[in-house]
PDB file of N, CA and C in Angstrom:
ATOM      1  N   ASN A   1      -5.028-165.317  14.081  1.00  0.00           N
ATOM      2  CA  ASN A   1      -4.374-164.491  15.086  1.00  0.00           C
ATOM      3  C   ASN A   1      -5.282-163.324  15.487  1.00  0.00           C
ATOM      4  N   ASP A   2      -5.911-162.670  14.501  1.00  0.00           N
ATOM      5  CA  ASP A   2      -6.814-161.560  14.776  1.00  0.00           C
ATOM      6  C   ASP A   2      -8.027-162.055  15.566  1.00  0.00           C
ATOM      7  N   HIS A   3      -8.545-163.236  15.192  1.00  0.00           N
ATOM      8  CA  HIS A   3      -9.680-163.815  15.922  1.00  0.00           C
ATOM      9  C   HIS A   3      -9.287-164.121  17.371  1.00  0.00           C
ATOM     10  N   PHE A   4      -8.075-164.628  17.562  1.00  0.00           N
ATOM     11  CA  PHE A   4      -7.577-164.948  18.903  1.00  0.00           C
ATOM     12  C   PHE A   4      -7.483-163.683  19.752  1.00  0.00           C
ATOM     13  N   THR A   5      -6.989-162.597  19.176  1.00  0.00           N
ATOM     14  CA  THR A   5      -6.871-161.328  19.901  1.00  0.00           C
ATOM     15  C   THR A   5      -8.245-160.796  20.278  1.00  0.00           C
ATOM     16  N   GLN A   6      -9.184-160.826  19.327  1.00  0.00           N
ATOM     17  CA  GLN A   6     -10.541-160.351  19.617  1.00  0.00           C
ATOM     18  C   GLN A   6     -11.202-161.195  20.707  1.00  0.00           C
ATOM     19  N   SER A   7     -10.973-162.486  20.668  1.00  0.00           N
ATOM     20  CA  SER A   7     -11.508-163.376  21.691  1.00  0.00           C
ATOM     21  C   SER A   7     -10.915-163.038  23.061  1.00  0.00           C
ATOM     22  N   ASN A   8      -9.607-162.785  23.098  1.00  0.00           N
ATOM     23  CA  ASN A   8      -8.947-162.393  24.350  1.00  0.00           C
ATOM     24  C   ASN A   8      -9.498-161.075  24.873  1.00  0.00           C
ATOM     25  N   ILE A   9      -9.738-160.128  23.973  1.00  0.00           N
ATOM     26  CA  ILE A   9     -10.288-158.832  24.368  1.00  0.00           C
ATOM     27  C   ILE A   9     -11.670-159.022  24.981  1.00  0.00           C
ATOM     28  N   ARG A  10     -12.525-159.815  24.330  1.00  0.00           N
ATOM     29  CA  ARG A  10     -13.879-160.061  24.855  1.00  0.00           C
ATOM     30  C   ARG A  10     -13.834-160.717  26.219  1.00  0.00           C
ATOM     31  N   GLN A  11     -12.988-161.738  26.364  1.00  0.00           N
ATOM     32  CA  GLN A  11     -12.889-162.457  27.634  1.00  0.00           C
ATOM     33  C   GLN A  11     -12.348-161.554  28.739  1.00  0.00           C
ATOM     34  N   THR A  12     -11.355-160.760  28.418  1.00  0.00           N
ATOM     35  CA  THR A  12     -10.784-159.839  29.409  1.00  0.00           C
ATOM     36  C   THR A  12     -11.824-158.821  29.836  1.00  0.00           C
ATOM     37  N   TYR A  13     -12.582-158.307  28.888  1.00  0.00           N
ATOM     38  CA  TYR A  13     -13.634-157.331  29.203  1.00  0.00           C
ATOM     39  C   TYR A  13     -14.693-157.950  30.113  1.00  0.00           C
ATOM     40  N   LYS A  14     -15.109-159.169  29.825  1.00  0.00           N
ATOM     41  CA  LYS A  14     -16.090-159.861  30.676  1.00  0.00           C
ATOM     42  C   LYS A  14     -15.532-160.069  32.086  1.00  0.00           C
ATOM     43  N   THR A  15     -14.259-160.399  32.180  1.00  0.00           N
ATOM     44  CA  THR A  15     -13.621-160.580  33.487  1.00  0.00           C
ATOM     45  C   THR A  15     -13.608-159.263  34.260  1.00  0.00           C
ATOM     46  N   ILE A  16     -13.307-158.160  33.567  1.00  0.00           N
ATOM     47  CA  ILE A  16     -13.311-156.834  34.203  1.00  0.00           C
ATOM     48  C   ILE A  16     -14.693-156.527  34.765  1.00  0.00           C
ATOM     49  N   LEU A  17     -15.741-156.778  33.981  1.00  0.00           N
ATOM     50  CA  LEU A  17     -17.104-156.519  34.452  1.00  0.00           C
ATOM     51  C   LEU A  17     -17.450-157.384  35.666  1.00  0.00           C
ATOM     52  N   SER A  18     -17.048-158.638  35.635  1.00  0.00           N
ATOM     53  CA  SER A  18     -17.300-159.540  36.758  1.00  0.00           C
ATOM     54  C   SER A  18     -16.583-159.051  38.017  1.00  0.00           C
ATOM     55  N   LEU A  19     -15.330-158.643  37.864  1.00  0.00           N
ATOM     56  CA  LEU A  19     -14.564-158.134  39.005  1.00  0.00           C
ATOM     57  C   LEU A  19     -15.174-156.845  39.540  1.00  0.00           C
ATOM     58  N   GLN A  20     -15.664-155.978  38.648  1.00  0.00           N
ATOM     59  CA  GLN A  20     -16.319-154.743  39.078  1.00  0.00           C
ATOM     60  C   GLN A  20     -17.556-155.062  39.913  1.00  0.00           C
ATOM     61  N   ASN A  21     -18.319-156.071  39.503  1.00  0.00           N
ATOM     62  CA  ASN A  21     -19.491-156.479  40.284  1.00  0.00           C
ATOM     63  C   ASN A  21     -19.087-156.982  41.661  1.00  0.00           C
ATOM     64  N   GLN A  22     -18.008-157.758  41.723  1.00  0.00           N
ATOM     65  CA  GLN A  22     -17.521-158.253  43.011  1.00  0.00           C
ATOM     66  C   GLN A  22     -17.070-157.101  43.908  1.00  0.00           C
ATOM     67  N   ILE A  23     -16.441-156.097  43.310  1.00  0.00           N
ATOM     68  CA  ILE A  23     -15.992-154.927  44.078  1.00  0.00           C
ATOM     69  C   ILE A  23     -17.192-154.212  44.691  1.00  0.00           C
ATOM     70  N   VAL A  24     -18.252-154.021  43.901  1.00  0.00           N
ATOM     71  CA  VAL A  24     -19.459-153.349  44.397  1.00  0.00           C
ATOM     72  C   VAL A  24     -20.055-154.125  45.576  1.00  0.00           C
ATOM     73  N   ILE A  25     -20.129-155.435  45.442  1.00  0.00           N
ATOM     74  CA  ILE A  25     -20.688-156.282  46.503  1.00  0.00           C
ATOM     75  C   ILE A  25     -19.835-156.190  47.768  1.00  0.00           C
ATOM     76  N   LEU A  26     -18.519-156.271  47.598  1.00  0.00           N
ATOM     77  CA  LEU A  26     -17.622-156.214  48.755  1.00  0.00           C
ATOM     78  C   LEU A  26     -17.639-154.840  49.413  1.00  0.00           C
ATOM     79  N   GLU A  27     -17.741-153.787  48.611  1.00  0.00           N
ATOM     80  CA  GLU A  27     -17.808-152.437  49.177  1.00  0.00           C
ATOM     81  C   GLU A  27     -19.086-152.241  49.986  1.00  0.00           C
ATOM     82  N   ALA A  28     -20.147-152.934  49.600  1.00  0.00           N
ATOM     83  CA  ALA A  28     -21.391-152.868  50.369  1.00  0.00           C
ATOM     84  C   ALA A  28     -21.304-153.721  51.630  1.00  0.00           C
ATOM     85  N   ARG A  29     -20.556-154.811  51.570  1.00  0.00           N
ATOM     86  CA  ARG A  29     -20.472-155.755  52.689  1.00  0.00           C
ATOM     87  C   ARG A  29     -19.510-155.307  53.787  1.00  0.00           C
ATOM     88  N   LEU A  30     -18.434-154.657  53.407  1.00  0.00           N
ATOM     89  CA  LEU A  30     -17.392-154.315  54.382  1.00  0.00           C
ATOM     90  C   LEU A  30     -17.872-153.419  55.533  1.00  0.00           C
ATOM     91  N   PRO A  31     -18.650-152.375  55.297  1.00  0.00           N
ATOM     92  CA  PRO A  31     -19.107-151.565  56.435  1.00  0.00           C
ATOM     93  C   PRO A  31     -19.940-152.366  57.437  1.00  0.00           C
ATOM     94  N   SER A  32     -20.749-153.276  56.946  1.00  0.00           N
ATOM     95  CA  SER A  32     -21.562-154.122  57.819  1.00  0.00           C
ATOM     96  C   SER A  32     -20.673-155.045  58.656  1.00  0.00           C
ATOM     97  N   LEU A  33     -19.673-155.639  58.012  1.00  0.00           N
ATOM     98  CA  LEU A  33     -18.736-156.496  58.744  1.00  0.00           C
ATOM     99  C   LEU A  33     -17.965-155.702  59.782  1.00  0.00           C
ATOM    100  N   GLN A  34     -17.581-154.486  59.432  1.00  0.00           N
ATOM    101  CA  GLN A  34     -16.841-153.637  60.374  1.00  0.00           C
ATOM    102  C   GLN A  34     -17.712-153.298  61.584  1.00  0.00           C
ATOM    103  N   LYS A  35     -18.973-152.966  61.336  1.00  0.00           N
ATOM    104  CA  LYS A  35     -19.891-152.627  62.427  1.00  0.00           C
ATOM    105  C   LYS A  35     -20.117-153.847  63.331  1.00  0.00           C
ATOM    106  N   THR A  36     -20.307-155.005  62.719  1.00  0.00           N
ATOM    107  CA  THR A  36     -20.481-156.243  63.488  1.00  0.00           C
ATOM    108  C   THR A  36     -19.244-156.515  64.333  1.00  0.00           C
ATOM    109  N   PHE A  37     -18.070-156.386  63.720  1.00  0.00           N
ATOM    110  CA  PHE A  37     -16.830-156.617  64.466  1.00  0.00           C
ATOM    111  C   PHE A  37     -16.704-155.634  65.629  1.00  0.00           C
ATOM    112  N   ASP A  38     -16.976-154.360  65.383  1.00  0.00           N
ATOM    113  CA  ASP A  38     -16.868-153.354  66.440  1.00  0.00           C
ATOM    114  C   ASP A  38     -17.783-153.685  67.621  1.00  0.00           C
ATOM    115  N   THR A  39     -19.003-154.128  67.310  1.00  0.00           N
ATOM    116  CA  THR A  39     -19.955-154.498  68.360  1.00  0.00           C
ATOM    117  C   THR A  39     -19.465-155.711  69.142  1.00  0.00           C
ATOM    118  N   ILE A  40     -18.982-156.717  68.423  1.00  0.00           N
ATOM    119  CA  ILE A  40     -18.495-157.934  69.084  1.00  0.00           C
ATOM    120  C   ILE A  40     -17.248-157.628  69.912  1.00  0.00           C
ATOM    121  N   LEU A  41     -16.366-156.765  69.397  1.00  0.00           N
ATOM    122  CA  LEU A  41     -15.182-156.377  70.161  1.00  0.00           C
ATOM    123  C   LEU A  41     -15.587-155.682  71.455  1.00  0.00           C
ATOM    124  N   GLU A  42     -16.514-154.750  71.362  1.00  0.00           N
ATOM    125  CA  GLU A  42     -16.990-154.035  72.551  1.00  0.00           C
ATOM    126  C   GLU A  42     -17.598-155.012  73.563  1.00  0.00           C
ATOM    127  N   ASN A  43     -18.394-155.954  73.069  1.00  0.00           N
ATOM    128  CA  ASN A  43     -19.003-156.956  73.947  1.00  0.00           C
ATOM    129  C   ASN A  43     -17.963-157.892  74.542  1.00  0.00           C
ATOM    130  N   TYR A  44     -16.951-158.239  73.767  1.00  0.00           N
ATOM    131  CA  TYR A  44     -15.891-159.115  74.268  1.00  0.00           C
ATOM    132  C   TYR A  44     -15.111-158.418  75.390  1.00  0.00           C
ATOM    133  N   LEU A  45     -14.770-157.152  75.157  1.00  0.00           N
ATOM    134  CA  LEU A  45     -14.026-156.403  76.169  1.00  0.00           C
ATOM    135  C   LEU A  45     -14.836-156.209  77.447  1.00  0.00           C
ATOM    136  N   ALA A  46     -16.160-156.198  77.291  1.00  0.00           N
ATOM    137  CA  ALA A  46     -17.039-156.044  78.465  1.00  0.00           C
ATOM    138  C   ALA A  46     -17.396-157.398  79.077  1.00  0.00           C
ATOM    139  N   GLY A  47     -16.877-158.484  78.497  1.00  0.00           N
ATOM    140  CA  GLY A  47     -17.130-159.809  79.049  1.00  0.00           C
ATOM    141  C   GLY A  47     -18.484-160.397  78.668  1.00  0.00           C
ATOM    142  N   ARG A  48     -19.145-159.832  77.666  1.00  0.00           N
ATOM    143  CA  ARG A  48     -20.467-160.320  77.255  1.00  0.00           C
ATOM    144  C   ARG A  48     -20.420-161.258  76.047  1.00  0.00           C
ATOM    145  N   THR A  49     -19.242-161.415  75.458  1.00  0.00           N
ATOM    146  CA  THR A  49     -19.080-162.269  74.286  1.00  0.00           C
ATOM    147  C   THR A  49     -17.855-163.145  74.483  1.00  0.00           C
ATOM    148  N   LYS A  50     -17.941-164.370  73.997  1.00  0.00           N
ATOM    149  CA  LYS A  50     -16.823-165.305  74.120  1.00  0.00           C
ATOM    150  C   LYS A  50     -15.746-164.983  73.096  1.00  0.00           C
ATOM    151  N   PHE A  51     -14.518-165.385  73.423  1.00  0.00           N
ATOM    152  CA  PHE A  51     -13.383-165.161  72.527  1.00  0.00           C
ATOM    153  C   PHE A  51     -13.627-165.797  71.165  1.00  0.00           C
ATOM    154  N   TYR A  52     -14.262-166.953  71.151  1.00  0.00           N
ATOM    155  CA  TYR A  52     -14.526-167.657  69.886  1.00  0.00           C
ATOM    156  C   TYR A  52     -15.318-166.766  68.925  1.00  0.00           C
ATOM    157  N   ASP A  53     -16.355-166.110  69.438  1.00  0.00           N
ATOM    158  CA  ASP A  53     -17.173-165.226  68.587  1.00  0.00           C
ATOM    159  C   ASP A  53     -16.359-164.024  68.113  1.00  0.00           C
ATOM    160  N   PHE A  54     -15.554-163.463  69.011  1.00  0.00           N
ATOM    161  CA  PHE A  54     -14.664-162.363  68.642  1.00  0.00           C
ATOM    162  C   PHE A  54     -13.703-162.808  67.543  1.00  0.00           C
ATOM    163  N   SER A  55     -13.113-163.981  67.717  1.00  0.00           N
ATOM    164  CA  SER A  55     -12.158-164.524  66.756  1.00  0.00           C
ATOM    165  C   SER A  55     -12.798-164.723  65.382  1.00  0.00           C
ATOM    166  N   LEU A  56     -14.019-165.260  65.368  1.00  0.00           N
ATOM    167  CA  LEU A  56     -14.717-165.463  64.090  1.00  0.00           C
ATOM    168  C   LEU A  56     -15.008-164.144  63.387  1.00  0.00           C
ATOM    169  N   ALA A  57     -15.440-163.150  64.138  1.00  0.00           N
ATOM    170  CA  ALA A  57     -15.740-161.838  63.554  1.00  0.00           C
ATOM    171  C   ALA A  57     -14.477-161.194  62.990  1.00  0.00           C
ATOM    172  N   LEU A  58     -13.379-161.296  63.730  1.00  0.00           N
ATOM    173  CA  LEU A  58     -12.100-160.753  63.264  1.00  0.00           C
ATOM    174  C   LEU A  58     -11.629-161.462  61.998  1.00  0.00           C
ATOM    175  N   GLN A  59     -11.749-162.777  62.003  1.00  0.00           N
ATOM    176  CA  GLN A  59     -11.330-163.553  60.836  1.00  0.00           C
ATOM    177  C   GLN A  59     -12.175-163.206  59.616  1.00  0.00           C
ATOM    178  N   ASP A  60     -13.477-163.087  59.793  1.00  0.00           N
ATOM    179  CA  ASP A  60     -14.368-162.752  58.678  1.00  0.00           C
ATOM    180  C   ASP A  60     -14.038-161.377  58.110  1.00  0.00           C
ATOM    181  N   LEU A  61     -13.856-160.404  58.986  1.00  0.00           N
ATOM    182  CA  LEU A  61     -13.529-159.043  58.554  1.00  0.00           C
ATOM    183  C   LEU A  61     -12.181-159.015  57.832  1.00  0.00           C
ATOM    184  N   THR A  62     -11.184-159.635  58.417  1.00  0.00           N
ATOM    185  CA  THR A  62      -9.838-159.630  57.834  1.00  0.00           C
ATOM    186  C   THR A  62      -9.805-160.354  56.492  1.00  0.00           C
ATOM    187  N   THR A  63     -10.403-161.514  56.432  1.00  0.00           N
ATOM    188  CA  THR A  63     -10.437-162.287  55.189  1.00  0.00           C
ATOM    189  C   THR A  63     -11.148-161.512  54.084  1.00  0.00           C
ATOM    190  N   THR A  64     -12.240-160.866  54.417  1.00  0.00           N
ATOM    191  CA  THR A  64     -12.993-160.099  53.423  1.00  0.00           C
ATOM    192  C   THR A  64     -12.192-158.891  52.948  1.00  0.00           C
ATOM    193  N   LYS A  65     -11.493-158.208  53.857  1.00  0.00           N
ATOM    194  CA  LYS A  65     -10.663-157.062  53.464  1.00  0.00           C
ATOM    195  C   LYS A  65      -9.536-157.500  52.530  1.00  0.00           C
ATOM    196  N   ILE A  66      -8.916-158.609  52.843  1.00  0.00           N
ATOM    197  CA  ILE A  66      -7.836-159.130  51.991  1.00  0.00           C
ATOM    198  C   ILE A  66      -8.394-159.520  50.627  1.00  0.00           C
ATOM    199  N   PHE A  67      -9.531-160.193  50.601  1.00  0.00           N
ATOM    200  CA  PHE A  67     -10.171-160.591  49.350  1.00  0.00           C
ATOM    201  C   PHE A  67     -10.512-159.352  48.516  1.00  0.00           C
ATOM    202  N   TYR A  68     -11.025-158.310  49.161  1.00  0.00           N
ATOM    203  CA  TYR A  68     -11.376-157.062  48.483  1.00  0.00           C
ATOM    204  C   TYR A  68     -10.142-156.451  47.805  1.00  0.00           C
ATOM    205  N   GLU A  69      -9.033-156.392  48.529  1.00  0.00           N
ATOM    206  CA  GLU A  69      -7.805-155.833  47.952  1.00  0.00           C
ATOM    207  C   GLU A  69      -7.302-156.703  46.809  1.00  0.00           C
ATOM    208  N   ASP A  70      -7.417-158.010  46.937  1.00  0.00           N
ATOM    209  CA  ASP A  70      -7.005-158.927  45.869  1.00  0.00           C
ATOM    210  C   ASP A  70      -7.865-158.728  44.617  1.00  0.00           C
ATOM    211  N   ILE A  71      -9.167-158.562  44.807  1.00  0.00           N
ATOM    212  CA  ILE A  71     -10.070-158.342  43.670  1.00  0.00           C
ATOM    213  C   ILE A  71      -9.726-157.021  42.981  1.00  0.00           C
ATOM    214  N   LYS A  72      -9.417-155.990  43.758  1.00  0.00           N
ATOM    215  CA  LYS A  72      -9.028-154.707  43.155  1.00  0.00           C
ATOM    216  C   LYS A  72      -7.737-154.852  42.345  1.00  0.00           C
ATOM    217  N   LEU A  73      -6.787-155.635  42.860  1.00  0.00           N
ATOM    218  CA  LEU A  73      -5.542-155.878  42.131  1.00  0.00           C
ATOM    219  C   LEU A  73      -5.807-156.650  40.839  1.00  0.00           C
ATOM    220  N   GLN A  74      -6.634-157.690  40.922  1.00  0.00           N
ATOM    221  CA  GLN A  74      -6.999-158.447  39.721  1.00  0.00           C
ATOM    222  C   GLN A  74      -7.675-157.536  38.691  1.00  0.00           C
ATOM    223  N   HIS A  75      -8.548-156.647  39.176  1.00  0.00           N
ATOM    224  CA  HIS A  75      -9.263-155.710  38.302  1.00  0.00           C
ATOM    225  C   HIS A  75      -8.261-154.812  37.560  1.00  0.00           C
ATOM    226  N   LEU A  76      -7.302-154.269  38.303  1.00  0.00           N
ATOM    227  CA  LEU A  76      -6.280-153.429  37.682  1.00  0.00           C
ATOM    228  C   LEU A  76      -5.460-154.226  36.665  1.00  0.00           C
ATOM    229  N   ASN A  77      -5.062-155.431  37.044  1.00  0.00           N
ATOM    230  CA  ASN A  77      -4.284-156.267  36.120  1.00  0.00           C
ATOM    231  C   ASN A  77      -5.060-156.568  34.841  1.00  0.00           C
ATOM    232  N   GLN A  78      -6.347-156.835  34.967  1.00  0.00           N
ATOM    233  CA  GLN A  78      -7.167-157.113  33.784  1.00  0.00           C
ATOM    234  C   GLN A  78      -7.314-155.869  32.911  1.00  0.00           C
ATOM    235  N   LYS A  79      -7.434-154.703  33.534  1.00  0.00           N
ATOM    236  CA  LYS A  79      -7.507-153.461  32.759  1.00  0.00           C
ATOM    237  C   LYS A  79      -6.197-153.223  32.004  1.00  0.00           C
ATOM    238  N   LEU A  80      -5.079-153.507  32.660  1.00  0.00           N
ATOM    239  CA  LEU A  80      -3.788-153.371  31.987  1.00  0.00           C
ATOM    240  C   LEU A  80      -3.665-154.360  30.833  1.00  0.00           C
ATOM    241  N   THR A  81      -4.155-155.568  31.050  1.00  0.00           N
ATOM    242  CA  THR A  81      -4.151-156.571  29.982  1.00  0.00           C
ATOM    243  C   THR A  81      -4.997-156.107  28.808  1.00  0.00           C
ATOM    244  N   LEU A  82      -6.177-155.576  29.105  1.00  0.00           N
ATOM    245  CA  LEU A  82      -7.061-155.074  28.046  1.00  0.00           C
ATOM    246  C   LEU A  82      -6.391-153.942  27.272  1.00  0.00           C
ATOM    247  N   ALA A  83      -5.751-153.034  27.980  1.00  0.00           N
ATOM    248  CA  ALA A  83      -5.055-151.927  27.319  1.00  0.00           C
ATOM    249  C   ALA A  83      -3.944-152.455  26.413  1.00  0.00           C
ATOM    250  N   ARG A  84      -3.197-153.439  26.915  1.00  0.00           N
ATOM    251  CA  ARG A  84      -2.119-154.029  26.108  1.00  0.00           C
ATOM    252  C   ARG A  84      -2.676-154.693  24.860  1.00  0.00           C
ATOM    253  N   LEU A  85      -3.758-155.453  25.016  1.00  0.00           N
ATOM    254  CA  LEU A  85      -4.373-156.134  23.875  1.00  0.00           C
ATOM    255  C   LEU A  85      -4.910-155.138  22.840  1.00  0.00           C
ATOM    256  N   ALA A  86      -5.378-153.989  23.342  1.00  0.00           N
ATOM    257  CA  ALA A  86      -5.926-152.968  22.445  1.00  0.00           C
ATOM    258  C   ALA A  86      -4.832-152.062  21.890  1.00  0.00           C
ATOM    259  N   GLY A  87      -3.601-152.219  22.367  1.00  0.00           N
ATOM    260  CA  GLY A  87      -2.484-151.438  21.850  1.00  0.00           C
ATOM    261  C   GLY A  87      -2.348-150.069  22.488  1.00  0.00           C
ATOM    262  N   ILE A  88      -2.933-149.875  23.666  1.00  0.00           N
ATOM    263  CA  ILE A  88      -2.842-148.587  24.361  1.00  0.00           C
ATOM    264  C   ILE A  88      -1.622-148.612  25.271  1.00  0.00           C
ATOM    265  N   GLU A  89      -0.763-147.621  25.111  1.00  0.00           N
ATOM    266  CA  GLU A  89       0.448-147.571  25.934  1.00  0.00           C
ATOM    267  C   GLU A  89       0.361-146.547  27.042  1.00  0.00           C
ATOM    268  N   ASP A  90      -0.456-145.510  26.870  1.00  0.00           N
ATOM    269  CA  ASP A  90      -0.570-144.471  27.877  1.00  0.00           C
ATOM    270  C   ASP A  90      -2.044-144.258  28.176  1.00  0.00           C
ATOM    271  N   PHE A  91      -2.353-143.928  29.414  1.00  0.00           N
ATOM    272  CA  PHE A  91      -3.742-143.768  29.828  1.00  0.00           C
ATOM    273  C   PHE A  91      -4.102-142.292  29.909  1.00  0.00           C
ATOM    274  N   PRO A  92      -5.295-141.935  29.416  1.00  0.00           N
ATOM    275  CA  PRO A  92      -5.723-140.540  29.522  1.00  0.00           C
ATOM    276  C   PRO A  92      -6.069-140.180  30.961  1.00  0.00           C
ATOM    277  N   GLY A  93      -6.044-138.902  31.270  1.00  0.00           N
ATOM    278  CA  GLY A  93      -6.449-138.474  32.612  1.00  0.00           C
ATOM    279  C   GLY A  93      -5.321-138.580  33.611  1.00  0.00           C
ATOM    280  N   GLU A  94      -5.642-139.154  34.769  1.00  0.00           N
ATOM    281  CA  GLU A  94      -4.680-139.268  35.866  1.00  0.00           C
ATOM    282  C   GLU A  94      -3.407-139.978  35.410  1.00  0.00           C
ATOM    283  N   ASN A  95      -2.293-139.525  35.924  1.00  0.00           N
ATOM    284  CA  ASN A  95      -1.027-140.170  35.640  1.00  0.00           C
ATOM    285  C   ASN A  95      -1.039-141.555  36.278  1.00  0.00           C
ATOM    286  N   PHE A  96      -0.820-142.586  35.484  1.00  0.00           N
ATOM    287  CA  PHE A  96      -0.944-143.958  35.960  1.00  0.00           C
ATOM    288  C   PHE A  96      -0.026-144.245  37.138  1.00  0.00           C
ATOM    289  N   GLU A  97       1.172-143.687  37.109  1.00  0.00           N
ATOM    290  CA  GLU A  97       2.125-143.948  38.189  1.00  0.00           C
ATOM    291  C   GLU A  97       1.580-143.474  39.539  1.00  0.00           C
ATOM    292  N   LEU A  98       0.734-142.437  39.528  1.00  0.00           N
ATOM    293  CA  LEU A  98       0.150-141.945  40.769  1.00  0.00           C
ATOM    294  C   LEU A  98      -0.969-142.860  41.277  1.00  0.00           C
ATOM    295  N   LEU A  99      -1.616-143.570  40.345  1.00  0.00           N
ATOM    296  CA  LEU A  99      -2.736-144.442  40.707  1.00  0.00           C
ATOM    297  C   LEU A  99      -2.271-145.813  41.162  1.00  0.00           C
ATOM    298  N   ALA A 100      -1.193-146.282  40.613  1.00  0.00           N
ATOM    299  CA  ALA A 100      -0.719-147.634  40.911  1.00  0.00           C
ATOM    300  C   ALA A 100       0.286-147.595  42.049  1.00  0.00           C
ATOM    301  N   THR A 101       0.154-148.549  42.941  1.00  0.00           N
ATOM    302  CA  THR A 101       1.150-148.712  44.000  1.00  0.00           C
ATOM    303  C   THR A 101       1.780-150.060  43.830  1.00  0.00           C
ATOM    304  N   ARG A 102       3.055-150.097  44.083  1.00  0.00           N
ATOM    305  CA  ARG A 102       3.794-151.338  43.915  1.00  0.00           C
ATOM    306  C   ARG A 102       3.437-152.303  45.034  1.00  0.00           C
ATOM    307  N   VAL A 103       3.165-153.531  44.658  1.00  0.00           N
ATOM    308  CA  VAL A 103       2.859-154.557  45.641  1.00  0.00           C
ATOM    309  C   VAL A 103       4.176-155.133  46.129  1.00  0.00           C
ATOM    310  N   LYS A 104       4.411-155.047  47.426  1.00  0.00           N
ATOM    311  CA  LYS A 104       5.668-155.526  47.988  1.00  0.00           C
ATOM    312  C   LYS A 104       5.777-157.040  47.832  1.00  0.00           C
ATOM    313  N   GLY A 105       6.963-157.473  47.482  1.00  0.00           N
ATOM    314  CA  GLY A 105       7.216-158.897  47.346  1.00  0.00           C
ATOM    315  C   GLY A 105       6.859-159.437  45.985  1.00  0.00           C
ATOM    316  N   LYS A 106       6.431-158.570  45.075  1.00  0.00           N
ATOM    317  CA  LYS A 106       6.078-159.061  43.736  1.00  0.00           C
ATOM    318  C   LYS A 106       6.947-158.389  42.700  1.00  0.00           C
TER     319      LYS A 106
END
């Protein structure tokens, strides 16, 4: 049982690190996608870009933003799992209730 808990802790920690890396990558990618979308939107409104290109840029930006928020949620869930596995009931520093927002529909 103790070995199983330690294994879960290690795996959860590795997952947290992986999610943190994904967050860094997405945070670097989002401004570029936003700038590309803004340019394509401006060109579309001026009649210099086809709707198809506008649609693709919008879809890419939206999908990436949704993925980013999902990764942040997974990251938080994994941190909560790690805290539970380690027996931590309260978090130091910021009040957790202020940091967490309830996901509607869940």
